[in-house]
Amino acid sequence: MGAAARDSSWLLCENGKLAVNTLEHRSGATSRQTDIALIYGANILTGVVKDTSKGPVSLSGGGSSFKGTVEVDYGDDYRLTIKGRLILADEKFNISYVLPCKELEGEL
């Protein structure tokens, strides 16, 4: 695994239209969570999927929001499925993408 704790995964997923960063890590002594950052242009929306790598998520930031579902596949071919409604200022978009991902590794 790529993170310094050696028990976390940090992925960057994108399709040329939007990017999603995920950080799957421990949450307390016995559970895990996936932090999500959706990046579209200059908009960065963040939120958390608790106790799993898939499920409903609400992301927000800078007056924008996303409500929908995500599923992160940590198998051999990392990918993220994201479906829902993205609201940027007064514009609303229904999105449904499967994004290829790469695991980011660093040396800390």
Protein backbone atom coordinates (compact mmCIF):
# COMPACT_ATOMS: atom_id res chain seq x y z
CA MET A 1 0.00 0.00 0.00
CA GLY A 2 1.11 3.52 -0.74
CA ALA A 3 0.56 5.54 2.43
CA ALA A 4 3.05 5.96 5.23
CA ALA A 5 0.82 4.07 7.68
CA ARG A 6 1.09 1.07 5.34
CA ASP A 7 -2.56 0.27 5.96
CA SER A 8 -4.12 2.93 3.72
CA SER A 9 -4.70 3.37 -0.01
CA TRP A 10 -4.57 6.71 -1.78
CA LEU A 11 -6.00 6.70 -5.30
CA LEU A 12 -6.32 9.34 -7.99
CA CYS A 13 -9.17 8.57 -10.41
CA GLU A 14 -10.00 10.60 -13.52
CA ASN A 15 -11.56 10.45 -16.95
CA GLY A 16 -10.54 13.80 -18.45
CA LYS A 17 -13.76 15.43 -17.20
CA LEU A 18 -13.44 15.14 -13.45
CA ALA A 19 -11.03 13.71 -10.92
CA VAL A 20 -11.64 11.97 -7.62
CA ASN A 21 -9.09 11.42 -4.88
CA THR A 22 -9.77 8.68 -2.34
CA LEU A 23 -8.00 7.94 0.92
CA GLU A 24 -9.09 4.66 2.51
CA HIS A 25 -7.83 4.40 6.08
CA ARG A 26 -8.53 3.37 9.66
CA SER A 27 -11.29 5.11 11.55
CA GLY A 28 -10.98 4.26 15.21
CA ALA A 29 -9.71 0.93 16.46
CA THR A 30 -11.92 -1.42 14.45
CA SER A 31 -13.40 0.35 11.45
CA ARG A 32 -12.32 1.99 8.21
CA GLN A 33 -13.55 4.87 6.11
CA THR A 34 -12.90 6.36 2.68
CA ASP A 35 -12.33 10.10 2.43
CA ILE A 36 -13.45 11.43 -0.99
CA ALA A 37 -12.43 14.63 -2.79
CA LEU A 38 -14.18 15.34 -6.11
CA ILE A 39 -12.34 17.85 -8.31
CA TYR A 40 -14.01 19.57 -11.25
CA GLY A 41 -12.19 22.62 -12.60
CA ALA A 42 -11.51 24.89 -9.63
CA ASN A 43 -14.22 23.14 -7.54
CA ILE A 44 -13.15 20.75 -4.77
CA LEU A 45 -15.90 18.92 -2.87
CA THR A 46 -15.13 16.62 0.06
CA GLY A 47 -16.92 14.03 2.17
CA VAL A 48 -16.65 10.57 3.74
CA VAL A 49 -17.95 7.07 3.05
CA LYS A 50 -18.02 5.43 6.47
CA ASP A 51 -17.20 1.81 7.29
CA THR A 52 -16.84 0.72 3.66
CA SER A 53 -15.55 1.65 0.23
CA LYS A 54 -19.01 1.96 -1.29
CA GLY A 55 -22.31 3.57 -0.50
CA PRO A 56 -24.10 6.89 -0.32
CA VAL A 57 -22.02 10.05 -0.07
CA SER A 58 -22.62 13.77 0.30
CA LEU A 59 -19.78 16.02 -0.82
CA SER A 60 -19.60 19.79 -0.41
CA GLY A 61 -17.25 22.71 -0.76
CA GLY A 62 -17.25 26.31 -1.89
CA GLY A 63 -21.02 26.47 -2.28
CA SER A 64 -21.12 23.38 -4.53
CA SER A 65 -22.39 19.90 -3.65
CA PHE A 66 -22.71 16.31 -4.81
CA LYS A 67 -25.19 13.70 -3.56
CA GLY A 68 -25.11 10.17 -4.81
CA THR A 69 -23.19 6.93 -4.48
CA VAL A 70 -19.60 5.83 -4.95
CA GLU A 71 -17.95 2.45 -5.12
CA VAL A 72 -14.18 2.04 -5.06
CA ASP A 73 -12.75 -1.20 -6.48
CA TYR A 74 -9.34 -1.84 -4.89
CA GLY A 75 -8.76 -4.95 -7.02
CA ASP A 76 -6.07 -5.40 -9.67
CA ASP A 77 -7.57 -2.68 -11.90
CA TYR A 78 -8.38 0.18 -9.55
CA ARG A 79 -11.56 2.01 -10.53
CA LEU A 80 -14.24 4.17 -8.99
CA THR A 81 -17.92 4.27 -9.93
CA ILE A 82 -19.67 7.55 -9.14
CA LYS A 83 -23.36 8.30 -9.74
CA GLY A 84 -25.49 11.18 -8.59
CA ARG A 85 -26.24 14.88 -8.87
CA LEU A 86 -23.49 17.50 -8.97
CA ILE A 87 -24.51 21.10 -8.26
CA LEU A 88 -22.02 23.84 -9.15
CA ALA A 89 -23.43 27.30 -8.35
CA ASP A 90 -26.78 27.26 -10.20
CA GLU A 91 -25.86 24.50 -12.66
CA LYS A 92 -27.01 20.92 -12.02
CA PHE A 93 -25.50 17.83 -13.64
CA ASN A 94 -26.48 14.18 -13.39
CA ILE A 95 -23.28 12.19 -13.54
CA SER A 96 -22.61 8.49 -13.94
CA TYR A 97 -18.98 7.56 -14.55
CA VAL A 98 -16.60 4.67 -14.08
CA LEU A 99 -13.19 6.27 -13.56
CA PRO A 100 -9.88 4.45 -13.96
CA CYS A 101 -7.61 5.03 -10.96
CA LYS A 102 -3.94 4.88 -10.06
CA GLU A 103 -2.54 4.24 -6.62
CA LEU A 104 -0.33 7.10 -5.49
CA GLU A 105 2.77 6.15 -3.59
CA GLY A 106 5.12 8.40 -1.71
CA GLU A 107 8.17 8.06 0.39
CA LEU A 108 7.77 9.84 3.71
